Amino acid sequence: MNDLRVVTTGYFDTSVECDFYSDGDDVYMTINQLARALGYADRNGVDQIISRNPYLSDPEFSVYDRLSGNDGKKYKTRLFTEDG
């Protein structure tokens, strides 16, 4: 991905605060934030949706990138596009 960075922090459905990332072309949300926005306790609910709908792994819907965690380390993270 090209220079992925947080472009804004906002609310998903007015109750879940999320960071929105962009590479200049698309806007992304992490799998963990999407799970919270959809009301799941953790990302397992979204992982199950992906396993039942493999097309969601296509780059049109989601991609992987290495994002910095709170501890400063980089972690492989699934990011969803707006279409995803």
PDB file of N, CA and C in Angstrom:
ATOM      1  N   MET A   1       0.848  -1.174   0.000  1.00  0.00           N
ATOM      2  CA  MET A   1       0.000   0.000   0.000  1.00  0.00           C
ATOM      3  C   MET A   1       0.894   1.238   0.000  1.00  0.00           C
ATOM      4  N   ASN A   2       0.365   2.319  -0.503  1.00  0.00           N
ATOM      5  CA  ASN A   2       1.138   3.551  -0.616  1.00  0.00           C
ATOM      6  C   ASN A   2       0.800   4.522   0.501  1.00  0.00           C
ATOM      7  N   ASP A   3       1.740   4.722   1.421  1.00  0.00           N
ATOM      8  CA  ASP A   3       1.607   5.765   2.444  1.00  0.00           C
ATOM      9  C   ASP A   3       0.245   5.781   3.138  1.00  0.00           C
ATOM     10  N   LEU A   4      -0.148   4.661   3.690  1.00  0.00           N
ATOM     11  CA  LEU A   4      -1.413   4.577   4.395  1.00  0.00           C
ATOM     12  C   LEU A   4      -1.313   5.354   5.694  1.00  0.00           C
ATOM     13  N   ARG A   5      -2.273   6.239   5.933  1.00  0.00           N
ATOM     14  CA  ARG A   5      -2.249   7.029   7.169  1.00  0.00           C
ATOM     15  C   ARG A   5      -3.666   7.380   7.592  1.00  0.00           C
ATOM     16  N   VAL A   6      -3.796   7.707   8.873  1.00  0.00           N
ATOM     17  CA  VAL A   6      -5.098   8.117   9.401  1.00  0.00           C
ATOM     18  C   VAL A   6      -5.435   9.477   8.803  1.00  0.00           C
ATOM     19  N   VAL A   7      -6.598   9.569   8.187  1.00  0.00           N
ATOM     20  CA  VAL A   7      -7.013  10.843   7.602  1.00  0.00           C
ATOM     21  C   VAL A   7      -8.069  11.536   8.453  1.00  0.00           C
ATOM     22  N   THR A   8      -8.790  10.756   9.223  1.00  0.00           N
ATOM     23  CA  THR A   8      -9.783  11.347  10.120  1.00  0.00           C
ATOM     24  C   THR A   8     -10.202  10.323  11.162  1.00  0.00           C
ATOM     25  N   THR A   9     -10.680  10.820  12.253  1.00  0.00           N
ATOM     26  CA  THR A   9     -11.304   9.974  13.268  1.00  0.00           C
ATOM     27  C   THR A   9     -12.743  10.441  13.359  1.00  0.00           C
ATOM     28  N   GLY A  10     -13.650   9.509  13.268  1.00  0.00           N
ATOM     29  CA  GLY A  10     -15.057   9.879  13.292  1.00  0.00           C
ATOM     30  C   GLY A  10     -15.872   8.794  13.959  1.00  0.00           C
ATOM     31  N   TYR A  11     -17.155   8.915  13.828  1.00  0.00           N
ATOM     32  CA  TYR A  11     -18.062   7.960  14.450  1.00  0.00           C
ATOM     33  C   TYR A  11     -18.788   7.163  13.394  1.00  0.00           C
ATOM     34  N   PHE A  12     -18.848   5.869  13.609  1.00  0.00           N
ATOM     35  CA  PHE A  12     -19.589   4.960  12.756  1.00  0.00           C
ATOM     36  C   PHE A  12     -20.937   4.742  13.430  1.00  0.00           C
ATOM     37  N   ASP A  13     -21.996   5.074  12.755  1.00  0.00           N
ATOM     38  CA  ASP A  13     -23.346   4.945  13.315  1.00  0.00           C
ATOM     39  C   ASP A  13     -23.478   5.731  14.618  1.00  0.00           C
ATOM     40  N   THR A  14     -22.803   6.853  14.719  1.00  0.00           N
ATOM     41  CA  THR A  14     -22.840   7.813  15.830  1.00  0.00           C
ATOM     42  C   THR A  14     -22.417   7.277  17.196  1.00  0.00           C
ATOM     43  N   SER A  15     -22.005   6.012  17.292  1.00  0.00           N
ATOM     44  CA  SER A  15     -21.674   5.499  18.621  1.00  0.00           C
ATOM     45  C   SER A  15     -20.299   4.859  18.740  1.00  0.00           C
ATOM     46  N   VAL A  16     -19.690   4.474  17.630  1.00  0.00           N
ATOM     47  CA  VAL A  16     -18.404   3.790  17.675  1.00  0.00           C
ATOM     48  C   VAL A  16     -17.342   4.687  17.033  1.00  0.00           C
ATOM     49  N   GLU A  17     -16.378   5.131  17.848  1.00  0.00           N
ATOM     50  CA  GLU A  17     -15.306   5.966  17.325  1.00  0.00           C
ATOM     51  C   GLU A  17     -14.340   5.115  16.505  1.00  0.00           C
ATOM     52  N   CYS A  18     -14.026   5.564  15.304  1.00  0.00           N
ATOM     53  CA  CYS A  18     -13.159   4.820  14.397  1.00  0.00           C
ATOM     54  C   CYS A  18     -12.152   5.743  13.732  1.00  0.00           C
ATOM     55  N   ASP A  19     -10.982   5.183  13.438  1.00  0.00           N
ATOM     56  CA  ASP A  19      -9.993   5.871  12.615  1.00  0.00           C
ATOM     57  C   ASP A  19     -10.228   5.438  11.176  1.00  0.00           C
ATOM     58  N   PHE A  20     -10.182   6.387  10.275  1.00  0.00           N
ATOM     59  CA  PHE A  20     -10.316   6.084   8.862  1.00  0.00           C
ATOM     60  C   PHE A  20      -8.971   6.375   8.206  1.00  0.00           C
ATOM     61  N   TYR A  21      -8.463   5.386   7.474  1.00  0.00           N
ATOM     62  CA  TYR A  21      -7.157   5.458   6.842  1.00  0.00           C
ATOM     63  C   TYR A  21      -7.330   5.686   5.346  1.00  0.00           C
ATOM     64  N   SER A  22      -6.303   6.266   4.719  1.00  0.00           N
ATOM     65  CA  SER A  22      -6.329   6.438   3.277  1.00  0.00           C
ATOM     66  C   SER A  22      -4.929   6.310   2.717  1.00  0.00           C
ATOM     67  N   ASP A  23      -4.871   5.841   1.482  1.00  0.00           N
ATOM     68  CA  ASP A  23      -3.614   5.793   0.743  1.00  0.00           C
ATOM     69  C   ASP A  23      -3.636   6.829  -0.366  1.00  0.00           C
ATOM     70  N   GLY A  24      -4.601   7.732  -0.328  1.00  0.00           N
ATOM     71  CA  GLY A  24      -4.759   8.749  -1.359  1.00  0.00           C
ATOM     72  C   GLY A  24      -5.820   8.380  -2.370  1.00  0.00           C
ATOM     73  N   ASP A  25      -6.129   7.087  -2.482  1.00  0.00           N
ATOM     74  CA  ASP A  25      -7.133   6.629  -3.437  1.00  0.00           C
ATOM     75  C   ASP A  25      -8.392   6.116  -2.752  1.00  0.00           C
ATOM     76  N   ASP A  26      -8.217   5.277  -1.747  1.00  0.00           N
ATOM     77  CA  ASP A  26      -9.338   4.645  -1.060  1.00  0.00           C
ATOM     78  C   ASP A  26      -9.310   4.975   0.423  1.00  0.00           C
ATOM     79  N   VAL A  27     -10.460   4.769   1.078  1.00  0.00           N
ATOM     80  CA  VAL A  27     -10.582   4.947   2.524  1.00  0.00           C
ATOM     81  C   VAL A  27     -10.781   3.569   3.128  1.00  0.00           C
ATOM     82  N   TYR A  28     -10.116   3.315   4.267  1.00  0.00           N
ATOM     83  CA  TYR A  28     -10.139   1.998   4.908  1.00  0.00           C
ATOM     84  C   TYR A  28     -10.489   2.100   6.386  1.00  0.00           C
ATOM     85  N   MET A  29     -10.977   0.972   6.917  1.00  0.00           N
ATOM     86  CA  MET A  29     -11.258   0.813   8.339  1.00  0.00           C
ATOM     87  C   MET A  29     -10.698  -0.536   8.757  1.00  0.00           C
ATOM     88  N   THR A  30     -10.093  -0.631   9.935  1.00  0.00           N
ATOM     89  CA  THR A  30      -9.530  -1.906  10.369  1.00  0.00           C
ATOM     90  C   THR A  30     -10.631  -2.904  10.695  1.00  0.00           C
ATOM     91  N   ILE A  31     -10.273  -4.175  10.647  1.00  0.00           N
ATOM     92  CA  ILE A  31     -11.228  -5.237  10.954  1.00  0.00           C
ATOM     93  C   ILE A  31     -11.747  -5.110  12.389  1.00  0.00           C
ATOM     94  N   ASN A  32     -10.882  -4.717  13.318  1.00  0.00           N
ATOM     95  CA  ASN A  32     -11.321  -4.582  14.713  1.00  0.00           C
ATOM     96  C   ASN A  32     -12.339  -3.454  14.870  1.00  0.00           C
ATOM     97  N   GLN A  33     -12.104  -2.345  14.194  1.00  0.00           N
ATOM     98  CA  GLN A  33     -13.048  -1.236  14.276  1.00  0.00           C
ATOM     99  C   GLN A  33     -14.361  -1.595  13.592  1.00  0.00           C
ATOM    100  N   LEU A  34     -14.279  -2.283  12.464  1.00  0.00           N
ATOM    101  CA  LEU A  34     -15.492  -2.707  11.778  1.00  0.00           C
ATOM    102  C   LEU A  34     -16.306  -3.652  12.658  1.00  0.00           C
ATOM    103  N   ALA A  35     -15.626  -4.568  13.336  1.00  0.00           N
ATOM    104  CA  ALA A  35     -16.319  -5.507  14.223  1.00  0.00           C
ATOM    105  C   ALA A  35     -17.072  -4.746  15.322  1.00  0.00           C
ATOM    106  N   ARG A  36     -16.408  -3.775  15.952  1.00  0.00           N
ATOM    107  CA  ARG A  36     -17.082  -2.981  16.995  1.00  0.00           C
ATOM    108  C   ARG A  36     -18.259  -2.196  16.421  1.00  0.00           C
ATOM    109  N   ALA A  37     -18.074  -1.639  15.222  1.00  0.00           N
ATOM    110  CA  ALA A  37     -19.138  -0.861  14.594  1.00  0.00           C
ATOM    111  C   ALA A  37     -20.358  -1.717  14.282  1.00  0.00           C
ATOM    112  N   LEU A  38     -20.113  -2.996  13.983  1.00  0.00           N
ATOM    113  CA  LEU A  38     -21.216  -3.915  13.687  1.00  0.00           C
ATOM    114  C   LEU A  38     -21.799  -4.570  14.938  1.00  0.00           C
ATOM    115  N   GLY A  39     -21.229  -4.257  16.095  1.00  0.00           N
ATOM    116  CA  GLY A  39     -21.766  -4.768  17.348  1.00  0.00           C
ATOM    117  C   GLY A  39     -21.188  -6.083  17.819  1.00  0.00           C
ATOM    118  N   TYR A  40     -20.108  -6.556  17.185  1.00  0.00           N
ATOM    119  CA  TYR A  40     -19.448  -7.789  17.623  1.00  0.00           C
ATOM    120  C   TYR A  40     -18.505  -7.498  18.787  1.00  0.00           C
ATOM    121  N   ALA A  41     -18.334  -8.469  19.664  1.00  0.00           N
ATOM    122  CA  ALA A  41     -17.428  -8.325  20.807  1.00  0.00           C
ATOM    123  C   ALA A  41     -15.970  -8.287  20.367  1.00  0.00           C
ATOM    124  N   ASP A  42     -15.661  -8.994  19.266  1.00  0.00           N
ATOM    125  CA  ASP A  42     -14.304  -9.006  18.732  1.00  0.00           C
ATOM    126  C   ASP A  42     -14.359  -9.292  17.244  1.00  0.00           C
ATOM    127  N   ARG A  43     -13.208  -9.411  16.628  1.00  0.00           N
ATOM    128  CA  ARG A  43     -13.138  -9.563  15.175  1.00  0.00           C
ATOM    129  C   ARG A  43     -13.603 -10.920  14.667  1.00  0.00           C
ATOM    130  N   ASN A  44     -13.825 -11.889  15.554  1.00  0.00           N
ATOM    131  CA  ASN A  44     -14.226 -13.230  15.127  1.00  0.00           C
ATOM    132  C   ASN A  44     -15.514 -13.225  14.315  1.00  0.00           C
ATOM    133  N   GLY A  45     -16.441 -12.345  14.653  1.00  0.00           N
ATOM    134  CA  GLY A  45     -17.692 -12.253  13.892  1.00  0.00           C
ATOM    135  C   GLY A  45     -17.445 -11.856  12.452  1.00  0.00           C
ATOM    136  N   VAL A  46     -16.558 -10.907  12.244  1.00  0.00           N
ATOM    137  CA  VAL A  46     -16.223 -10.471  10.884  1.00  0.00           C
ATOM    138  C   VAL A  46     -15.431 -11.563  10.172  1.00  0.00           C
ATOM    139  N   ASP A  47     -14.531 -12.240  10.877  1.00  0.00           N
ATOM    140  CA  ASP A  47     -13.795 -13.358  10.279  1.00  0.00           C
ATOM    141  C   ASP A  47     -14.747 -14.445   9.785  1.00  0.00           C
ATOM    142  N   GLN A  48     -15.816 -14.707  10.522  1.00  0.00           N
ATOM    143  CA  GLN A  48     -16.810 -15.708  10.104  1.00  0.00           C
ATOM    144  C   GLN A  48     -17.546 -15.253   8.848  1.00  0.00           C
ATOM    145  N   ILE A  49     -17.853 -13.968   8.766  1.00  0.00           N
ATOM    146  CA  ILE A  49     -18.509 -13.431   7.567  1.00  0.00           C
ATOM    147  C   ILE A  49     -17.595 -13.628   6.357  1.00  0.00           C
ATOM    148  N   ILE A  50     -16.303 -13.371   6.534  1.00  0.00           N
ATOM    149  CA  ILE A  50     -15.345 -13.541   5.440  1.00  0.00           C
ATOM    150  C   ILE A  50     -15.249 -15.008   5.028  1.00  0.00           C
ATOM    151  N   SER A  51     -15.239 -15.905   5.991  1.00  0.00           N
ATOM    152  CA  SER A  51     -15.132 -17.339   5.652  1.00  0.00           C
ATOM    153  C   SER A  51     -16.362 -17.820   4.877  1.00  0.00           C
ATOM    154  N   ARG A  52     -17.527 -17.231   5.137  1.00  0.00           N
ATOM    155  CA  ARG A  52     -18.745 -17.606   4.406  1.00  0.00           C
ATOM    156  C   ARG A  52     -18.864 -16.871   3.065  1.00  0.00           C
ATOM    157  N   ASN A  53     -18.103 -15.787   2.922  1.00  0.00           N
ATOM    158  CA  ASN A  53     -18.150 -14.961   1.711  1.00  0.00           C
ATOM    159  C   ASN A  53     -16.722 -14.658   1.263  1.00  0.00           C
ATOM    160  N   PRO A  54     -16.033 -15.635   0.695  1.00  0.00           N
ATOM    161  CA  PRO A  54     -14.610 -15.484   0.376  1.00  0.00           C
ATOM    162  C   PRO A  54     -14.281 -14.295  -0.529  1.00  0.00           C
ATOM    163  N   TYR A  55     -15.243 -13.834  -1.320  1.00  0.00           N
ATOM    164  CA  TYR A  55     -14.976 -12.694  -2.195  1.00  0.00           C
ATOM    165  C   TYR A  55     -14.590 -11.444  -1.400  1.00  0.00           C
ATOM    166  N   LEU A  56     -14.939 -11.393  -0.109  1.00  0.00           N
ATOM    167  CA  LEU A  56     -14.573 -10.244   0.721  1.00  0.00           C
ATOM    168  C   LEU A  56     -13.068 -10.145   0.941  1.00  0.00           C
ATOM    169  N   SER A  57     -12.329 -11.190   0.555  1.00  0.00           N
ATOM    170  CA  SER A  57     -10.872 -11.154   0.636  1.00  0.00           C
ATOM    171  C   SER A  57     -10.248 -10.506  -0.599  1.00  0.00           C
ATOM    172  N   ASP A  58     -11.049 -10.258  -1.632  1.00  0.00           N
ATOM    173  CA  ASP A  58     -10.540  -9.612  -2.841  1.00  0.00           C
ATOM    174  C   ASP A  58     -10.133  -8.175  -2.526  1.00  0.00           C
ATOM    175  N   PRO A  59      -9.096  -7.658  -3.205  1.00  0.00           N
ATOM    176  CA  PRO A  59      -8.601  -6.302  -2.937  1.00  0.00           C
ATOM    177  C   PRO A  59      -9.662  -5.203  -3.076  1.00  0.00           C
ATOM    178  N   GLU A  60     -10.711  -5.475  -3.812  1.00  0.00           N
ATOM    179  CA  GLU A  60     -11.799  -4.494  -3.930  1.00  0.00           C
ATOM    180  C   GLU A  60     -12.478  -4.264  -2.571  1.00  0.00           C
ATOM    181  N   PHE A  61     -12.433  -5.274  -1.703  1.00  0.00           N
ATOM    182  CA  PHE A  61     -13.145  -5.218  -0.433  1.00  0.00           C
ATOM    183  C   PHE A  61     -12.251  -5.140   0.800  1.00  0.00           C
ATOM    184  N   SER A  62     -11.093  -5.803   0.766  1.00  0.00           N
ATOM    185  CA  SER A  62     -10.203  -5.761   1.927  1.00  0.00           C
ATOM    186  C   SER A  62      -8.768  -6.064   1.518  1.00  0.00           C
ATOM    187  N   VAL A  63      -7.848  -5.528   2.284  1.00  0.00           N
ATOM    188  CA  VAL A  63      -6.414  -5.715   2.042  1.00  0.00           C
ATOM    189  C   VAL A  63      -5.711  -5.861   3.384  1.00  0.00           C
ATOM    190  N   TYR A  64      -4.478  -6.313   3.340  1.00  0.00           N
ATOM    191  CA  TYR A  64      -3.645  -6.371   4.542  1.00  0.00           C
ATOM    192  C   TYR A  64      -2.574  -5.292   4.459  1.00  0.00           C
ATOM    193  N   ASP A  65      -2.249  -4.716   5.603  1.00  0.00           N
ATOM    194  CA  ASP A  65      -1.127  -3.793   5.708  1.00  0.00           C
ATOM    195  C   ASP A  65      -0.558  -3.939   7.109  1.00  0.00           C
ATOM    196  N   ARG A  66       0.630  -3.415   7.312  1.00  0.00           N
ATOM    197  CA  ARG A  66       1.264  -3.461   8.632  1.00  0.00           C
ATOM    198  C   ARG A  66       1.051  -2.108   9.289  1.00  0.00           C
ATOM    199  N   LEU A  67       0.270  -2.100  10.365  1.00  0.00           N
ATOM    200  CA  LEU A  67      -0.027  -0.874  11.093  1.00  0.00           C
ATOM    201  C   LEU A  67       0.626  -0.909  12.469  1.00  0.00           C
ATOM    202  N   SER A  68       0.984   0.242  12.973  1.00  0.00           N
ATOM    203  CA  SER A  68       1.585   0.343  14.303  1.00  0.00           C
ATOM    204  C   SER A  68       0.527   0.164  15.379  1.00  0.00           C
ATOM    205  N   GLY A  69       0.841  -0.689  16.347  1.00  0.00           N
ATOM    206  CA  GLY A  69      -0.034  -0.882  17.494  1.00  0.00           C
ATOM    207  C   GLY A  69       0.295   0.120  18.585  1.00  0.00           C
ATOM    208  N   ASN A  70      -0.435   0.069  19.681  1.00  0.00           N
ATOM    209  CA  ASN A  70      -0.185   0.968  20.810  1.00  0.00           C
ATOM    210  C   ASN A  70       1.210   0.783  21.397  1.00  0.00           C
ATOM    211  N   ASP A  71       1.780  -0.401  21.190  1.00  0.00           N
ATOM    212  CA  ASP A  71       3.115  -0.680  21.708  1.00  0.00           C
ATOM    213  C   ASP A  71       4.227  -0.253  20.748  1.00  0.00           C
ATOM    214  N   GLY A  72       3.851   0.346  19.609  1.00  0.00           N
ATOM    215  CA  GLY A  72       4.832   0.810  18.638  1.00  0.00           C
ATOM    216  C   GLY A  72       5.265  -0.236  17.632  1.00  0.00           C
ATOM    217  N   LYS A  73       4.888  -1.484  17.848  1.00  0.00           N
ATOM    218  CA  LYS A  73       5.244  -2.553  16.916  1.00  0.00           C
ATOM    219  C   LYS A  73       4.281  -2.532  15.727  1.00  0.00           C
ATOM    220  N   LYS A  74       4.741  -3.061  14.599  1.00  0.00           N
ATOM    221  CA  LYS A  74       3.914  -3.157  13.393  1.00  0.00           C
ATOM    222  C   LYS A  74       3.227  -4.520  13.364  1.00  0.00           C
ATOM    223  N   TYR A  75       1.932  -4.515  13.079  1.00  0.00           N
ATOM    224  CA  TYR A  75       1.145  -5.741  13.026  1.00  0.00           C
ATOM    225  C   TYR A  75       0.412  -5.842  11.693  1.00  0.00           C
ATOM    226  N   LYS A  76       0.378  -7.058  11.146  1.00  0.00           N
ATOM    227  CA  LYS A  76      -0.376  -7.304   9.926  1.00  0.00           C
ATOM    228  C   LYS A  76      -1.860  -7.154  10.275  1.00  0.00           C
ATOM    229  N   THR A  77      -2.524  -6.255   9.580  1.00  0.00           N
ATOM    230  CA  THR A  77      -3.911  -5.917   9.901  1.00  0.00           C
ATOM    231  C   THR A  77      -4.763  -5.915   8.650  1.00  0.00           C
ATOM    232  N   ARG A  78      -5.941  -6.529   8.721  1.00  0.00           N
ATOM    233  CA  ARG A  78      -6.876  -6.491   7.596  1.00  0.00           C
ATOM    234  C   ARG A  78      -7.619  -5.157   7.658  1.00  0.00           C
ATOM    235  N   LEU A  79      -7.667  -4.504   6.502  1.00  0.00           N
ATOM    236  CA  LEU A  79      -8.371  -3.237   6.369  1.00  0.00           C
ATOM    237  C   LEU A  79      -9.473  -3.416   5.319  1.00  0.00           C
ATOM    238  N   PHE A  80     -10.618  -2.843   5.585  1.00  0.00           N
ATOM    239  CA  PHE A  80     -11.736  -2.935   4.670  1.00  0.00           C
ATOM    240  C   PHE A  80     -11.946  -1.618   3.939  1.00  0.00           C
ATOM    241  N   THR A  81     -12.207  -1.724   2.648  1.00  0.00           N
ATOM    242  CA  THR A  81     -12.544  -0.543   1.863  1.00  0.00           C
ATOM    243  C   THR A  81     -13.978  -0.147   2.179  1.00  0.00           C
ATOM    244  N   GLU A  82     -14.384   0.967   1.640  1.00  0.00           N
ATOM    245  CA  GLU A  82     -15.769   1.399   1.830  1.00  0.00           C
ATOM    246  C   GLU A  82     -16.731   0.368   1.242  1.00  0.00           C
ATOM    247  N   ASP A  83     -16.375  -0.242   0.113  1.00  0.00           N
ATOM    248  CA  ASP A  83     -17.208  -1.290  -0.478  1.00  0.00           C
ATOM    249  C   ASP A  83     -17.258  -2.540   0.389  1.00  0.00           C
ATOM    250  N   GLY A  84     -16.143  -2.809   1.067  1.00  0.00           N
ATOM    251  CA  GLY A  84     -16.073  -3.988   1.942  1.00  0.00           C
ATOM    252  C   GLY A  84     -16.939  -3.824   3.144  1.00  0.00           C
TER     253      GLY A  84
END
